[in-house]
Structures are given as structure tokens and as C-alpha cells.
Amino acid sequence: MPDLPTADEAGLKGFEVGAWHGLYAPKGTPDDVVRKLSKTLQDALRDPDLVKQFNEINTEPVAQDEATPEALKVKLVSEVDRWKPIIEAAGQFAD
């Protein structure tokens, strides 16, 4: 679509949006189980077959230091802080 302006060209300076996913466990899940899930996720994200599949759909696995429960919490809080005022200003809600 050569004639379609980018978001920046259309006046949305600095606009950036992306998709991300997180792996969550129920509240109260024992810490050792959470650590095991986290390690398993980190191992899976290094798997060459998974990396190849991600490449085929033009995506990439999250960096290892971002594949932790602590990093996911920081990501979630930052996304809520980022989008909440925009959603509220539009008179909308997300639940």
C-alpha cells in the first residue's frame, strides 16, 4: 500500500502499539511452581524450532530477561499506566 501514510505521517507522532503475551498462574500458586513455569518458558523461548516458527510469522520471542514473573508484572503495570488515561478520555472501559 504505497499510498497509505504511516501513523507518523498521518499526524500520530510517536504512536506505537504492539501485541504481547504473558503467562499467568492463579493467585496463591506456590513460588516453586511459578519458578518452574518461568524456567520452562525461558527454555522454550530458546528452542530453535520455536524461534524458526516465530520467524515464519514475523515475530520474535521475548528477551530472556523479560521472560520472568517480575518483568511481566512491570510490563503489565506499565501498559495499564500507558493505556488507562487514553481509554478513560475516550469514555470507554476495559475489564
N, C-alpha and C. Protein backbone atom coordinates (compact mmCIF):
# COMPACT_ATOMS: atom_id res chain seq x y z
N MET A 1 0.83 -1.18 0.00
CA MET A 1 0.00 0.00 0.00
C MET A 1 0.88 1.25 0.00
N PRO A 2 1.49 1.54 -1.10
CA PRO A 2 2.44 2.65 -1.16
C PRO A 2 1.82 4.02 -0.88
N ASP A 3 0.54 4.19 -1.10
CA ASP A 3 -0.09 5.50 -0.89
C ASP A 3 -0.68 5.67 0.51
N LEU A 4 -0.62 4.64 1.31
CA LEU A 4 -1.16 4.71 2.67
C LEU A 4 -0.10 5.32 3.60
N PRO A 5 -0.45 6.45 4.24
CA PRO A 5 0.55 7.08 5.12
C PRO A 5 0.78 6.24 6.38
N THR A 6 1.97 6.36 6.90
CA THR A 6 2.26 5.72 8.18
C THR A 6 1.51 6.49 9.26
N ALA A 7 1.42 5.92 10.45
CA ALA A 7 0.77 6.62 11.56
C ALA A 7 1.46 7.95 11.82
N ASP A 8 2.77 7.96 11.76
CA ASP A 8 3.54 9.19 11.98
C ASP A 8 3.20 10.23 10.92
N GLU A 9 3.15 9.81 9.66
CA GLU A 9 2.81 10.72 8.56
C GLU A 9 1.38 11.23 8.66
N ALA A 10 0.51 10.44 9.27
CA ALA A 10 -0.90 10.83 9.41
C ALA A 10 -1.14 11.73 10.62
N GLY A 11 -0.07 12.10 11.32
CA GLY A 11 -0.21 13.03 12.43
C GLY A 11 -0.15 12.40 13.81
N LEU A 12 0.07 11.12 13.88
CA LEU A 12 0.16 10.43 15.17
C LEU A 12 1.63 10.28 15.55
N LYS A 13 2.28 11.40 15.82
CA LYS A 13 3.71 11.40 16.12
C LYS A 13 4.01 10.52 17.34
N GLY A 14 4.96 9.62 17.18
CA GLY A 14 5.38 8.77 18.28
C GLY A 14 4.42 7.63 18.59
N PHE A 15 3.40 7.43 17.77
CA PHE A 15 2.43 6.36 18.04
C PHE A 15 3.10 5.01 17.89
N GLU A 16 2.91 4.19 18.88
CA GLU A 16 3.48 2.85 18.86
C GLU A 16 2.53 1.91 19.57
N VAL A 17 2.23 0.81 18.94
CA VAL A 17 1.39 -0.21 19.56
C VAL A 17 1.92 -1.57 19.11
N GLY A 18 1.85 -2.51 19.99
CA GLY A 18 2.30 -3.85 19.67
C GLY A 18 1.50 -4.87 20.46
N ALA A 19 1.66 -6.10 20.10
CA ALA A 19 0.99 -7.18 20.81
C ALA A 19 2.02 -7.91 21.67
N TRP A 20 1.61 -8.30 22.83
CA TRP A 20 2.48 -9.09 23.69
C TRP A 20 1.60 -10.07 24.45
N HIS A 21 2.23 -11.10 24.95
CA HIS A 21 1.51 -12.16 25.66
C HIS A 21 2.21 -12.42 26.99
N GLY A 22 1.45 -12.87 27.95
CA GLY A 22 2.01 -13.22 29.24
C GLY A 22 1.44 -14.55 29.70
N LEU A 23 2.23 -15.22 30.50
CA LEU A 23 1.81 -16.49 31.08
C LEU A 23 1.50 -16.23 32.56
N TYR A 24 0.27 -16.46 32.96
CA TYR A 24 -0.16 -16.20 34.32
C TYR A 24 -0.61 -17.49 35.01
N ALA A 25 -0.46 -17.49 36.32
CA ALA A 25 -0.91 -18.62 37.14
C ALA A 25 -1.89 -18.06 38.17
N PRO A 26 -2.76 -18.88 38.70
CA PRO A 26 -3.72 -18.41 39.71
C PRO A 26 -3.02 -17.83 40.94
N LYS A 27 -3.66 -16.85 41.55
CA LYS A 27 -3.15 -16.29 42.80
C LYS A 27 -2.96 -17.42 43.81
N GLY A 28 -1.85 -17.36 44.52
CA GLY A 28 -1.58 -18.39 45.52
C GLY A 28 -0.80 -19.58 44.99
N THR A 29 -0.47 -19.55 43.69
CA THR A 29 0.35 -20.64 43.16
C THR A 29 1.69 -20.64 43.89
N PRO A 30 2.14 -21.78 44.39
CA PRO A 30 3.41 -21.83 45.14
C PRO A 30 4.57 -21.26 44.32
N ASP A 31 5.49 -20.58 45.01
CA ASP A 31 6.63 -19.96 44.35
C ASP A 31 7.47 -20.95 43.56
N ASP A 32 7.63 -22.16 44.08
CA ASP A 32 8.45 -23.13 43.35
C ASP A 32 7.79 -23.52 42.03
N VAL A 33 6.48 -23.54 41.98
CA VAL A 33 5.77 -23.86 40.74
C VAL A 33 5.93 -22.69 39.76
N VAL A 34 5.80 -21.46 40.25
CA VAL A 34 5.98 -20.28 39.40
C VAL A 34 7.39 -20.26 38.82
N ARG A 35 8.39 -20.54 39.65
CA ARG A 35 9.78 -20.57 39.17
C ARG A 35 9.97 -21.66 38.10
N LYS A 36 9.34 -22.81 38.32
CA LYS A 36 9.46 -23.90 37.34
C LYS A 36 8.79 -23.51 36.02
N LEU A 37 7.63 -22.90 36.09
CA LEU A 37 6.95 -22.43 34.87
C LEU A 37 7.81 -21.40 34.15
N SER A 38 8.39 -20.47 34.91
CA SER A 38 9.22 -19.43 34.32
C SER A 38 10.44 -20.02 33.62
N LYS A 39 11.11 -20.96 34.27
CA LYS A 39 12.28 -21.60 33.67
C LYS A 39 11.89 -22.37 32.42
N THR A 40 10.77 -23.06 32.47
CA THR A 40 10.30 -23.83 31.32
C THR A 40 10.00 -22.89 30.15
N LEU A 41 9.39 -21.75 30.45
CA LEU A 41 9.11 -20.75 29.41
C LEU A 41 10.41 -20.23 28.81
N GLN A 42 11.36 -19.89 29.67
CA GLN A 42 12.65 -19.39 29.17
C GLN A 42 13.35 -20.43 28.29
N ASP A 43 13.29 -21.69 28.69
CA ASP A 43 13.88 -22.77 27.88
C ASP A 43 13.16 -22.87 26.53
N ALA A 44 11.85 -22.82 26.55
CA ALA A 44 11.07 -22.94 25.32
C ALA A 44 11.38 -21.79 24.36
N LEU A 45 11.57 -20.59 24.90
CA LEU A 45 11.83 -19.42 24.05
C LEU A 45 13.20 -19.49 23.37
N ARG A 46 14.07 -20.39 23.83
CA ARG A 46 15.38 -20.59 23.20
C ARG A 46 15.36 -21.77 22.23
N ASP A 47 14.27 -22.49 22.19
CA ASP A 47 14.19 -23.67 21.33
C ASP A 47 14.28 -23.24 19.86
N PRO A 48 15.24 -23.81 19.11
CA PRO A 48 15.41 -23.41 17.70
C PRO A 48 14.15 -23.60 16.85
N ASP A 49 13.39 -24.66 17.11
CA ASP A 49 12.17 -24.89 16.33
C ASP A 49 11.13 -23.80 16.61
N LEU A 50 11.02 -23.40 17.86
CA LEU A 50 10.07 -22.33 18.19
C LEU A 50 10.53 -21.01 17.57
N VAL A 51 11.81 -20.72 17.69
CA VAL A 51 12.35 -19.49 17.09
C VAL A 51 12.08 -19.48 15.59
N LYS A 52 12.27 -20.63 14.94
CA LYS A 52 12.01 -20.74 13.50
C LYS A 52 10.52 -20.48 13.19
N GLN A 53 9.65 -21.07 13.99
CA GLN A 53 8.21 -20.85 13.78
C GLN A 53 7.85 -19.38 13.99
N PHE A 54 8.43 -18.75 15.01
CA PHE A 54 8.19 -17.33 15.23
C PHE A 54 8.67 -16.52 14.02
N ASN A 55 9.84 -16.85 13.50
CA ASN A 55 10.37 -16.13 12.34
C ASN A 55 9.43 -16.26 11.14
N GLU A 56 8.82 -17.42 10.99
CA GLU A 56 7.92 -17.64 9.87
C GLU A 56 6.67 -16.77 9.94
N ILE A 57 6.31 -16.32 11.14
CA ILE A 57 5.14 -15.44 11.27
C ILE A 57 5.57 -14.01 11.62
N ASN A 58 6.84 -13.72 11.34
CA ASN A 58 7.39 -12.37 11.53
C ASN A 58 7.26 -11.85 12.95
N THR A 59 7.59 -12.69 13.90
CA THR A 59 7.63 -12.26 15.29
C THR A 59 8.90 -12.83 15.91
N GLU A 60 9.16 -12.46 17.12
CA GLU A 60 10.35 -12.98 17.79
C GLU A 60 10.04 -13.20 19.25
N PRO A 61 10.72 -14.16 19.87
CA PRO A 61 10.48 -14.41 21.29
C PRO A 61 10.98 -13.24 22.12
N VAL A 62 10.36 -13.07 23.25
CA VAL A 62 10.77 -12.03 24.19
C VAL A 62 12.18 -12.34 24.69
N ALA A 63 12.92 -11.29 25.03
CA ALA A 63 14.26 -11.48 25.58
C ALA A 63 14.18 -12.26 26.89
N GLN A 64 15.22 -13.03 27.18
CA GLN A 64 15.24 -13.86 28.38
C GLN A 64 15.00 -13.06 29.65
N ASP A 65 15.57 -11.86 29.75
CA ASP A 65 15.40 -11.07 30.97
C ASP A 65 13.99 -10.52 31.11
N GLU A 66 13.19 -10.61 30.03
CA GLU A 66 11.80 -10.17 30.09
C GLU A 66 10.85 -11.35 30.32
N ALA A 67 11.37 -12.55 30.31
CA ALA A 67 10.55 -13.76 30.48
C ALA A 67 10.59 -14.22 31.93
N THR A 68 10.30 -13.30 32.84
CA THR A 68 10.27 -13.61 34.27
C THR A 68 8.99 -13.07 34.86
N PRO A 69 8.54 -13.62 35.97
CA PRO A 69 7.35 -13.08 36.62
C PRO A 69 7.50 -11.59 36.99
N GLU A 70 8.69 -11.22 37.44
CA GLU A 70 8.90 -9.83 37.84
C GLU A 70 8.82 -8.89 36.64
N ALA A 71 9.44 -9.28 35.53
CA ALA A 71 9.40 -8.45 34.32
C ALA A 71 7.99 -8.37 33.76
N LEU A 72 7.24 -9.46 33.83
CA LEU A 72 5.86 -9.44 33.33
C LEU A 72 5.01 -8.48 34.16
N LYS A 73 5.22 -8.47 35.46
CA LYS A 73 4.46 -7.55 36.32
C LYS A 73 4.78 -6.10 35.95
N VAL A 74 6.06 -5.79 35.75
CA VAL A 74 6.46 -4.44 35.34
C VAL A 74 5.81 -4.08 34.01
N LYS A 75 5.81 -5.01 33.06
CA LYS A 75 5.20 -4.78 31.74
C LYS A 75 3.72 -4.50 31.87
N LEU A 76 3.01 -5.32 32.64
CA LEU A 76 1.58 -5.14 32.82
C LEU A 76 1.26 -3.79 33.44
N VAL A 77 1.96 -3.43 34.50
CA VAL A 77 1.72 -2.15 35.17
C VAL A 77 2.00 -0.99 34.21
N SER A 78 3.09 -1.09 33.44
CA SER A 78 3.41 0.00 32.51
C SER A 78 2.36 0.12 31.41
N GLU A 79 1.83 -0.99 30.94
CA GLU A 79 0.79 -0.94 29.91
C GLU A 79 -0.52 -0.36 30.47
N VAL A 80 -0.87 -0.74 31.68
CA VAL A 80 -2.07 -0.17 32.31
C VAL A 80 -1.87 1.33 32.47
N ASP A 81 -0.72 1.74 32.98
CA ASP A 81 -0.44 3.17 33.16
C ASP A 81 -0.48 3.92 31.83
N ARG A 82 -0.03 3.28 30.78
CA ARG A 82 0.01 3.90 29.45
C ARG A 82 -1.38 4.05 28.85
N TRP A 83 -2.18 3.00 28.92
CA TRP A 83 -3.45 2.99 28.21
C TRP A 83 -4.64 3.49 29.02
N LYS A 84 -4.58 3.42 30.33
CA LYS A 84 -5.72 3.81 31.17
C LYS A 84 -6.20 5.23 30.88
N PRO A 85 -5.33 6.25 30.86
CA PRO A 85 -5.84 7.59 30.60
C PRO A 85 -6.43 7.75 29.20
N ILE A 86 -5.90 7.04 28.24
CA ILE A 86 -6.42 7.11 26.87
C ILE A 86 -7.82 6.50 26.81
N ILE A 87 -7.96 5.35 27.42
CA ILE A 87 -9.25 4.66 27.44
C ILE A 87 -10.28 5.49 28.19
N GLU A 88 -9.90 6.03 29.35
CA GLU A 88 -10.84 6.85 30.12
C GLU A 88 -11.20 8.13 29.38
N ALA A 89 -10.24 8.78 28.71
CA ALA A 89 -10.52 10.01 27.97
C ALA A 89 -11.50 9.77 26.83
N ALA A 90 -11.48 8.55 26.30
CA ALA A 90 -12.41 8.18 25.24
C ALA A 90 -13.77 7.77 25.77
N GLY A 91 -13.92 7.77 27.11
CA GLY A 91 -15.19 7.37 27.71
C GLY A 91 -15.44 5.88 27.62
N GLN A 92 -14.39 5.11 27.49
CA GLN A 92 -14.51 3.66 27.35
C GLN A 92 -14.03 3.00 28.63
N PHE A 93 -14.09 1.70 28.66
CA PHE A 93 -13.57 0.95 29.78
C PHE A 93 -13.03 -0.38 29.29
N ALA A 94 -12.14 -0.92 30.04
CA ALA A 94 -11.60 -2.24 29.74
C ALA A 94 -11.64 -3.04 31.02
N ASP A 95 -12.09 -4.25 30.93
CA ASP A 95 -12.14 -5.09 32.14
C ASP A 95 -11.51 -6.42 31.92
